[in-house]
Amino acid sequence: MNSLTVQYALDYEKEGFTFMALSPGWMKTELGGGEMADLTPEEGAKASLDVIFRPGQELNGQFPKVLVKGWEKAKGNNQYDGSNSAW
């Protein structure tokens, strides 16, 4: 998926399309670990849409994490700071 995202980003950039592999965070769903997870589905969805509808092509070919207030410097692996994840 990673290389496909980058390939599409390169192929369609001049036509104005943006391709990204978005990390919505660990959400509290039946498949996501229930109450052990970090974000409610509403928080994850809102944060994802904020990234998706960001104007411009700065995220083209990237793997961004969502930005959720209060989670930017959380302890452990799950920090939702809007940064790019490593491929």
PDB file of N, CA and C in Angstrom:
ATOM      1  N   MET A   1       0.812  -1.182   0.000  1.00  0.00           N
ATOM      2  CA  MET A   1       0.000   0.000   0.000  1.00  0.00           C
ATOM      3  C   MET A   1       0.862   1.255   0.000  1.00  0.00           C
ATOM      4  N   ASN A   2       1.959   1.231   0.708  1.00  0.00           N
ATOM      5  CA  ASN A   2       2.811   2.413   0.796  1.00  0.00           C
ATOM      6  C   ASN A   2       3.345   2.833  -0.566  1.00  0.00           C
ATOM      7  N   SER A   3       3.908   1.896  -1.301  1.00  0.00           N
ATOM      8  CA  SER A   3       4.468   2.247  -2.608  1.00  0.00           C
ATOM      9  C   SER A   3       3.369   2.608  -3.599  1.00  0.00           C
ATOM     10  N   LEU A   4       2.204   1.993  -3.474  1.00  0.00           N
ATOM     11  CA  LEU A   4       1.085   2.323  -4.350  1.00  0.00           C
ATOM     12  C   LEU A   4       0.607   3.753  -4.085  1.00  0.00           C
ATOM     13  N   THR A   5       0.551   4.149  -2.830  1.00  0.00           N
ATOM     14  CA  THR A   5       0.168   5.517  -2.483  1.00  0.00           C
ATOM     15  C   THR A   5       1.133   6.514  -3.105  1.00  0.00           C
ATOM     16  N   VAL A   6       2.420   6.258  -2.981  1.00  0.00           N
ATOM     17  CA  VAL A   6       3.429   7.159  -3.550  1.00  0.00           C
ATOM     18  C   VAL A   6       3.339   7.164  -5.072  1.00  0.00           C
ATOM     19  N   GLN A   7       3.153   6.012  -5.682  1.00  0.00           N
ATOM     20  CA  GLN A   7       3.066   5.938  -7.141  1.00  0.00           C
ATOM     21  C   GLN A   7       1.874   6.738  -7.668  1.00  0.00           C
ATOM     22  N   TYR A   8       0.706   6.554  -7.055  1.00  0.00           N
ATOM     23  CA  TYR A   8      -0.472   7.336  -7.456  1.00  0.00           C
ATOM     24  C   TYR A   8      -0.231   8.827  -7.232  1.00  0.00           C
ATOM     25  N   ALA A   9       0.395   9.169  -6.107  1.00  0.00           N
ATOM     26  CA  ALA A   9       0.676  10.578  -5.813  1.00  0.00           C
ATOM     27  C   ALA A   9       1.528  11.200  -6.915  1.00  0.00           C
ATOM     28  N   LEU A  10       2.540  10.480  -7.373  1.00  0.00           N
ATOM     29  CA  LEU A  10       3.410  10.983  -8.441  1.00  0.00           C
ATOM     30  C   LEU A  10       2.684  11.031  -9.781  1.00  0.00           C
ATOM     31  N   ASP A  11       1.910  10.005 -10.069  1.00  0.00           N
ATOM     32  CA  ASP A  11       1.231   9.914 -11.367  1.00  0.00           C
ATOM     33  C   ASP A  11       0.134  10.956 -11.553  1.00  0.00           C
ATOM     34  N   TYR A  12      -0.568  11.317 -10.498  1.00  0.00           N
ATOM     35  CA  TYR A  12      -1.745  12.175 -10.628  1.00  0.00           C
ATOM     36  C   TYR A  12      -1.596  13.559 -10.004  1.00  0.00           C
ATOM     37  N   GLU A  13      -0.407  13.885  -9.526  1.00  0.00           N
ATOM     38  CA  GLU A  13      -0.180  15.176  -8.875  1.00  0.00           C
ATOM     39  C   GLU A  13      -0.471  16.351  -9.818  1.00  0.00           C
ATOM     40  N   LYS A  14      -0.020  16.256 -11.046  1.00  0.00           N
ATOM     41  CA  LYS A  14      -0.204  17.358 -11.999  1.00  0.00           C
ATOM     42  C   LYS A  14      -1.663  17.576 -12.367  1.00  0.00           C
ATOM     43  N   GLU A  15      -2.489  16.567 -12.144  1.00  0.00           N
ATOM     44  CA  GLU A  15      -3.921  16.694 -12.421  1.00  0.00           C
ATOM     45  C   GLU A  15      -4.685  17.246 -11.212  1.00  0.00           C
ATOM     46  N   GLY A  16      -3.971  17.511 -10.121  1.00  0.00           N
ATOM     47  CA  GLY A  16      -4.581  18.116  -8.950  1.00  0.00           C
ATOM     48  C   GLY A  16      -5.075  17.142  -7.897  1.00  0.00           C
ATOM     49  N   PHE A  17      -4.786  15.861  -8.069  1.00  0.00           N
ATOM     50  CA  PHE A  17      -5.215  14.865  -7.090  1.00  0.00           C
ATOM     51  C   PHE A  17      -4.188  14.745  -5.968  1.00  0.00           C
ATOM     52  N   THR A  18      -4.668  14.398  -4.792  1.00  0.00           N
ATOM     53  CA  THR A  18      -3.796  14.141  -3.647  1.00  0.00           C
ATOM     54  C   THR A  18      -4.086  12.742  -3.120  1.00  0.00           C
ATOM     55  N   PHE A  19      -3.033  11.958  -2.975  1.00  0.00           N
ATOM     56  CA  PHE A  19      -3.137  10.605  -2.421  1.00  0.00           C
ATOM     57  C   PHE A  19      -2.324  10.544  -1.140  1.00  0.00           C
ATOM     58  N   MET A  20      -2.931   9.979  -0.100  1.00  0.00           N
ATOM     59  CA  MET A  20      -2.220   9.793   1.164  1.00  0.00           C
ATOM     60  C   MET A  20      -2.729   8.523   1.828  1.00  0.00           C
ATOM     61  N   ALA A  21      -1.918   7.964   2.693  1.00  0.00           N
ATOM     62  CA  ALA A  21      -2.329   6.836   3.531  1.00  0.00           C
ATOM     63  C   ALA A  21      -2.502   7.402   4.934  1.00  0.00           C
ATOM     64  N   LEU A  22      -3.717   7.618   5.348  1.00  0.00           N
ATOM     65  CA  LEU A  22      -4.013   8.316   6.600  1.00  0.00           C
ATOM     66  C   LEU A  22      -4.135   7.338   7.764  1.00  0.00           C
ATOM     67  N   SER A  23      -3.488   7.676   8.863  1.00  0.00           N
ATOM     68  CA  SER A  23      -3.616   6.899  10.098  1.00  0.00           C
ATOM     69  C   SER A  23      -4.644   7.580  10.991  1.00  0.00           C
ATOM     70  N   PRO A  24      -5.847   6.990  11.153  1.00  0.00           N
ATOM     71  CA  PRO A  24      -6.904   7.645  11.922  1.00  0.00           C
ATOM     72  C   PRO A  24      -6.769   7.502  13.439  1.00  0.00           C
ATOM     73  N   GLY A  25      -5.802   6.744  13.893  1.00  0.00           N
ATOM     74  CA  GLY A  25      -5.643   6.529  15.328  1.00  0.00           C
ATOM     75  C   GLY A  25      -6.302   5.230  15.770  1.00  0.00           C
ATOM     76  N   TRP A  26      -6.059   4.888  17.027  1.00  0.00           N
ATOM     77  CA  TRP A  26      -6.608   3.664  17.604  1.00  0.00           C
ATOM     78  C   TRP A  26      -7.964   3.998  18.192  1.00  0.00           C
ATOM     79  N   MET A  27      -9.022   3.498  17.561  1.00  0.00           N
ATOM     80  CA  MET A  27     -10.373   3.894  17.936  1.00  0.00           C
ATOM     81  C   MET A  27     -11.095   2.830  18.759  1.00  0.00           C
ATOM     82  N   LYS A  28     -11.956   3.302  19.620  1.00  0.00           N
ATOM     83  CA  LYS A  28     -12.737   2.453  20.528  1.00  0.00           C
ATOM     84  C   LYS A  28     -13.907   1.820  19.774  1.00  0.00           C
ATOM     85  N   THR A  29     -13.607   0.739  19.083  1.00  0.00           N
ATOM     86  CA  THR A  29     -14.634  -0.024  18.379  1.00  0.00           C
ATOM     87  C   THR A  29     -14.486  -1.483  18.785  1.00  0.00           C
ATOM     88  N   GLU A  30     -15.426  -2.312  18.383  1.00  0.00           N
ATOM     89  CA  GLU A  30     -15.327  -3.738  18.695  1.00  0.00           C
ATOM     90  C   GLU A  30     -14.066  -4.345  18.104  1.00  0.00           C
ATOM     91  N   LEU A  31     -13.702  -3.923  16.911  1.00  0.00           N
ATOM     92  CA  LEU A  31     -12.491  -4.452  16.275  1.00  0.00           C
ATOM     93  C   LEU A  31     -11.225  -3.737  16.727  1.00  0.00           C
ATOM     94  N   GLY A  32     -11.381  -2.565  17.336  1.00  0.00           N
ATOM     95  CA  GLY A  32     -10.226  -1.755  17.698  1.00  0.00           C
ATOM     96  C   GLY A  32      -9.765  -1.889  19.126  1.00  0.00           C
ATOM     97  N   GLY A  33     -10.342  -2.759  19.903  1.00  0.00           N
ATOM     98  CA  GLY A  33      -9.896  -2.940  21.272  1.00  0.00           C
ATOM     99  C   GLY A  33     -10.832  -2.380  22.315  1.00  0.00           C
ATOM    100  N   GLY A  34     -11.996  -1.927  21.889  1.00  0.00           N
ATOM    101  CA  GLY A  34     -12.971  -1.431  22.847  1.00  0.00           C
ATOM    102  C   GLY A  34     -12.437  -0.286  23.682  1.00  0.00           C
ATOM    103  N   GLU A  35     -12.696  -0.340  24.985  1.00  0.00           N
ATOM    104  CA  GLU A  35     -12.301   0.750  25.878  1.00  0.00           C
ATOM    105  C   GLU A  35     -10.791   0.869  26.070  1.00  0.00           C
ATOM    106  N   MET A  36     -10.029  -0.143  25.649  1.00  0.00           N
ATOM    107  CA  MET A  36      -8.568  -0.060  25.754  1.00  0.00           C
ATOM    108  C   MET A  36      -8.000   0.946  24.758  1.00  0.00           C
ATOM    109  N   ALA A  37      -8.717   1.207  23.679  1.00  0.00           N
ATOM    110  CA  ALA A  37      -8.239   2.105  22.630  1.00  0.00           C
ATOM    111  C   ALA A  37      -8.272   3.556  23.110  1.00  0.00           C
ATOM    112  N   ASP A  38      -7.721   4.437  22.303  1.00  0.00           N
ATOM    113  CA  ASP A  38      -7.551   5.835  22.696  1.00  0.00           C
ATOM    114  C   ASP A  38      -8.716   6.752  22.332  1.00  0.00           C
ATOM    115  N   LEU A  39      -9.175   6.682  21.109  1.00  0.00           N
ATOM    116  CA  LEU A  39     -10.099   7.676  20.574  1.00  0.00           C
ATOM    117  C   LEU A  39     -11.483   7.096  20.328  1.00  0.00           C
ATOM    118  N   THR A  40     -12.494   7.919  20.517  1.00  0.00           N
ATOM    119  CA  THR A  40     -13.831   7.501  20.128  1.00  0.00           C
ATOM    120  C   THR A  40     -13.901   7.533  18.600  1.00  0.00           C
ATOM    121  N   PRO A  41     -14.829   6.795  18.009  1.00  0.00           N
ATOM    122  CA  PRO A  41     -14.977   6.867  16.550  1.00  0.00           C
ATOM    123  C   PRO A  41     -15.250   8.294  16.069  1.00  0.00           C
ATOM    124  N   GLU A  42     -15.981   9.060  16.854  1.00  0.00           N
ATOM    125  CA  GLU A  42     -16.269  10.448  16.478  1.00  0.00           C
ATOM    126  C   GLU A  42     -14.995  11.292  16.442  1.00  0.00           C
ATOM    127  N   GLU A  43     -14.128  11.115  17.445  1.00  0.00           N
ATOM    128  CA  GLU A  43     -12.861  11.854  17.470  1.00  0.00           C
ATOM    129  C   GLU A  43     -11.989  11.471  16.280  1.00  0.00           C
ATOM    130  N   GLY A  44     -11.887  10.176  16.009  1.00  0.00           N
ATOM    131  CA  GLY A  44     -11.071   9.710  14.890  1.00  0.00           C
ATOM    132  C   GLY A  44     -11.605  10.179  13.546  1.00  0.00           C
ATOM    133  N   ALA A  45     -12.935  10.157  13.399  1.00  0.00           N
ATOM    134  CA  ALA A  45     -13.546  10.596  12.142  1.00  0.00           C
ATOM    135  C   ALA A  45     -13.345  12.086  11.923  1.00  0.00           C
ATOM    136  N   LYS A  46     -13.581  12.898  12.957  1.00  0.00           N
ATOM    137  CA  LYS A  46     -13.400  14.345  12.816  1.00  0.00           C
ATOM    138  C   LYS A  46     -11.960  14.688  12.491  1.00  0.00           C
ATOM    139  N   ALA A  47     -11.028  14.072  13.215  1.00  0.00           N
ATOM    140  CA  ALA A  47      -9.614  14.344  12.980  1.00  0.00           C
ATOM    141  C   ALA A  47      -9.191  13.897  11.575  1.00  0.00           C
ATOM    142  N   SER A  48      -9.740  12.780  11.103  1.00  0.00           N
ATOM    143  CA  SER A  48      -9.436  12.298   9.746  1.00  0.00           C
ATOM    144  C   SER A  48      -9.958  13.268   8.702  1.00  0.00           C
ATOM    145  N   LEU A  49     -11.192  13.731   8.881  1.00  0.00           N
ATOM    146  CA  LEU A  49     -11.765  14.678   7.917  1.00  0.00           C
ATOM    147  C   LEU A  49     -11.009  15.995   7.909  1.00  0.00           C
ATOM    148  N   ASP A  50     -10.495  16.418   9.064  1.00  0.00           N
ATOM    149  CA  ASP A  50      -9.682  17.635   9.108  1.00  0.00           C
ATOM    150  C   ASP A  50      -8.447  17.496   8.224  1.00  0.00           C
ATOM    151  N   VAL A  51      -7.858  16.318   8.197  1.00  0.00           N
ATOM    152  CA  VAL A  51      -6.684  16.085   7.347  1.00  0.00           C
ATOM    153  C   VAL A  51      -7.101  15.968   5.875  1.00  0.00           C
ATOM    154  N   ILE A  52      -8.156  15.209   5.616  1.00  0.00           N
ATOM    155  CA  ILE A  52      -8.600  14.964   4.244  1.00  0.00           C
ATOM    156  C   ILE A  52      -8.979  16.265   3.546  1.00  0.00           C
ATOM    157  N   PHE A  53      -9.650  17.158   4.252  1.00  0.00           N
ATOM    158  CA  PHE A  53     -10.122  18.401   3.639  1.00  0.00           C
ATOM    159  C   PHE A  53      -9.142  19.559   3.778  1.00  0.00           C
ATOM    160  N   ARG A  54      -7.917  19.283   4.186  1.00  0.00           N
ATOM    161  CA  ARG A  54      -6.892  20.320   4.247  1.00  0.00           C
ATOM    162  C   ARG A  54      -6.570  20.768   2.815  1.00  0.00           C
ATOM    163  N   PRO A  55      -6.598  22.059   2.563  1.00  0.00           N
ATOM    164  CA  PRO A  55      -6.329  22.519   1.192  1.00  0.00           C
ATOM    165  C   PRO A  55      -4.875  22.315   0.780  1.00  0.00           C
ATOM    166  N   GLY A  56      -4.678  22.174  -0.511  1.00  0.00           N
ATOM    167  CA  GLY A  56      -3.329  22.034  -1.052  1.00  0.00           C
ATOM    168  C   GLY A  56      -2.896  20.594  -1.202  1.00  0.00           C
ATOM    169  N   GLN A  57      -1.667  20.438  -1.659  1.00  0.00           N
ATOM    170  CA  GLN A  57      -1.133  19.103  -1.916  1.00  0.00           C
ATOM    171  C   GLN A  57       0.075  18.785  -1.048  1.00  0.00           C
ATOM    172  N   GLU A  58       0.212  19.459   0.074  1.00  0.00           N
ATOM    173  CA  GLU A  58       1.384  19.238   0.920  1.00  0.00           C
ATOM    174  C   GLU A  58       1.476  17.808   1.458  1.00  0.00           C
ATOM    175  N   LEU A  59       0.349  17.110   1.554  1.00  0.00           N
ATOM    176  CA  LEU A  59       0.352  15.748   2.074  1.00  0.00           C
ATOM    177  C   LEU A  59       0.375  14.691   0.975  1.00  0.00           C
ATOM    178  N   ASN A  60       0.531  15.117  -0.256  1.00  0.00           N
ATOM    179  CA  ASN A  60       0.540  14.172  -1.369  1.00  0.00           C
ATOM    180  C   ASN A  60       1.675  13.162  -1.215  1.00  0.00           C
ATOM    181  N   GLY A  61       1.316  11.876  -1.229  1.00  0.00           N
ATOM    182  CA  GLY A  61       2.316  10.818  -1.103  1.00  0.00           C
ATOM    183  C   GLY A  61       2.789  10.576   0.316  1.00  0.00           C
ATOM    184  N   GLN A  62       2.145  11.195   1.303  1.00  0.00           N
ATOM    185  CA  GLN A  62       2.577  11.091   2.695  1.00  0.00           C
ATOM    186  C   GLN A  62       1.701  10.109   3.478  1.00  0.00           C
ATOM    187  N   PHE A  63       2.106   9.838   4.719  1.00  0.00           N
ATOM    188  CA  PHE A  63       1.368   8.964   5.636  1.00  0.00           C
ATOM    189  C   PHE A  63       1.142   9.737   6.938  1.00  0.00           C
ATOM    190  N   PRO A  64       0.199  10.709   6.928  1.00  0.00           N
ATOM    191  CA  PRO A  64       0.016  11.547   8.111  1.00  0.00           C
ATOM    192  C   PRO A  64      -0.788  10.860   9.209  1.00  0.00           C
ATOM    193  N   LYS A  65      -0.480  11.264  10.439  1.00  0.00           N
ATOM    194  CA  LYS A  65      -1.291  10.890  11.591  1.00  0.00           C
ATOM    195  C   LYS A  65      -2.312  12.006  11.798  1.00  0.00           C
ATOM    196  N   VAL A  66      -3.413  11.691  12.437  1.00  0.00           N
ATOM    197  CA  VAL A  66      -4.390  12.715  12.757  1.00  0.00           C
ATOM    198  C   VAL A  66      -3.856  13.595  13.887  1.00  0.00           C
ATOM    199  N   LEU A  67      -4.437  14.784  14.023  1.00  0.00           N
ATOM    200  CA  LEU A  67      -4.111  15.688  15.115  1.00  0.00           C
ATOM    201  C   LEU A  67      -5.317  15.743  16.045  1.00  0.00           C
ATOM    202  N   VAL A  68      -5.118  15.328  17.289  1.00  0.00           N
ATOM    203  CA  VAL A  68      -6.184  15.357  18.287  1.00  0.00           C
ATOM    204  C   VAL A  68      -5.651  16.121  19.486  1.00  0.00           C
ATOM    205  N   LYS A  69      -6.318  17.223  19.813  1.00  0.00           N
ATOM    206  CA  LYS A  69      -5.885  18.055  20.942  1.00  0.00           C
ATOM    207  C   LYS A  69      -5.820  17.216  22.212  1.00  0.00           C
ATOM    208  N   GLY A  70      -4.721  17.381  22.939  1.00  0.00           N
ATOM    209  CA  GLY A  70      -4.510  16.641  24.174  1.00  0.00           C
ATOM    210  C   GLY A  70      -3.720  15.348  23.984  1.00  0.00           C
ATOM    211  N   TRP A  71      -3.549  14.916  22.730  1.00  0.00           N
ATOM    212  CA  TRP A  71      -2.823  13.681  22.453  1.00  0.00           C
ATOM    213  C   TRP A  71      -1.477  13.948  21.776  1.00  0.00           C
ATOM    214  N   GLU A  72      -1.116  15.206  21.603  1.00  0.00           N
ATOM    215  CA  GLU A  72       0.108  15.535  20.873  1.00  0.00           C
ATOM    216  C   GLU A  72       1.365  14.975  21.534  1.00  0.00           C
ATOM    217  N   LYS A  73       1.407  14.955  22.847  1.00  0.00           N
ATOM    218  CA  LYS A  73       2.602  14.501  23.571  1.00  0.00           C
ATOM    219  C   LYS A  73       2.267  13.400  24.557  1.00  0.00           C
ATOM    220  N   ALA A  74       1.316  12.557  24.191  1.00  0.00           N
ATOM    221  CA  ALA A  74       0.917  11.459  25.067  1.00  0.00           C
ATOM    222  C   ALA A  74       2.081  10.483  25.239  1.00  0.00           C
ATOM    223  N   LYS A  75       2.145   9.839  26.387  1.00  0.00           N
ATOM    224  CA  LYS A  75       3.187   8.845  26.625  1.00  0.00           C
ATOM    225  C   LYS A  75       2.887   7.600  25.800  1.00  0.00           C
ATOM    226  N   GLY A  76       3.922   6.912  25.402  1.00  0.00           N
ATOM    227  CA  GLY A  76       3.754   5.679  24.634  1.00  0.00           C
ATOM    228  C   GLY A  76       3.795   5.917  23.131  1.00  0.00           C
ATOM    229  N   ASN A  77       3.338   4.931  22.398  1.00  0.00           N
ATOM    230  CA  ASN A  77       3.422   4.975  20.936  1.00  0.00           C
ATOM    231  C   ASN A  77       2.316   5.777  20.274  1.00  0.00           C
ATOM    232  N   ASN A  78       1.215   5.985  20.949  1.00  0.00           N
ATOM    233  CA  ASN A  78       0.047   6.604  20.323  1.00  0.00           C
ATOM    234  C   ASN A  78      -0.002   8.096  20.586  1.00  0.00           C
ATOM    235  N   GLN A  79       0.668   8.834  19.728  1.00  0.00           N
ATOM    236  CA  GLN A  79       0.640  10.294  19.784  1.00  0.00           C
ATOM    237  C   GLN A  79      -0.033  10.783  18.511  1.00  0.00           C
ATOM    238  N   TYR A  80      -1.072  11.540  18.681  1.00  0.00           N
ATOM    239  CA  TYR A  80      -1.840  12.034  17.533  1.00  0.00           C
ATOM    240  C   TYR A  80      -1.506  13.508  17.350  1.00  0.00           C
ATOM    241  N   ASP A  81      -0.336  13.739  16.775  1.00  0.00           N
ATOM    242  CA  ASP A  81       0.229  15.087  16.690  1.00  0.00           C
ATOM    243  C   ASP A  81       0.225  15.660  15.279  1.00  0.00           C
ATOM    244  N   GLY A  82      -0.387  14.970  14.339  1.00  0.00           N
ATOM    245  CA  GLY A  82      -0.447  15.475  12.972  1.00  0.00           C
ATOM    246  C   GLY A  82       0.825  15.305  12.175  1.00  0.00           C
ATOM    247  N   SER A  83       1.817  14.631  12.746  1.00  0.00           N
ATOM    248  CA  SER A  83       3.081  14.418  12.038  1.00  0.00           C
ATOM    249  C   SER A  83       2.948  13.285  11.021  1.00  0.00           C
ATOM    250  N   ASN A  84       3.963  13.136  10.208  1.00  0.00           N
ATOM    251  CA  ASN A  84       3.990  12.028   9.254  1.00  0.00           C
ATOM    252  C   ASN A  84       4.540  10.775   9.914  1.00  0.00           C
ATOM    253  N   SER A  85       3.895   9.667   9.665  1.00  0.00           N
ATOM    254  CA  SER A  85       4.386   8.375  10.149  1.00  0.00           C
ATOM    255  C   SER A  85       5.507   7.902   9.234  1.00  0.00           C
ATOM    256  N   ALA A  86       6.401   7.137   9.797  1.00  0.00           N
ATOM    257  CA  ALA A  86       7.470   6.552   8.987  1.00  0.00           C
ATOM    258  C   ALA A  86       6.876   5.442   8.128  1.00  0.00           C
ATOM    259  N   TRP A  87       7.301   5.370   6.892  1.00  0.00           N
ATOM    260  CA  TRP A  87       6.818   4.294   6.026  1.00  0.00           C
ATOM    261  C   TRP A  87       7.427   3.019   6.535  1.00  0.00           C
TER     262      TRP A  87
END
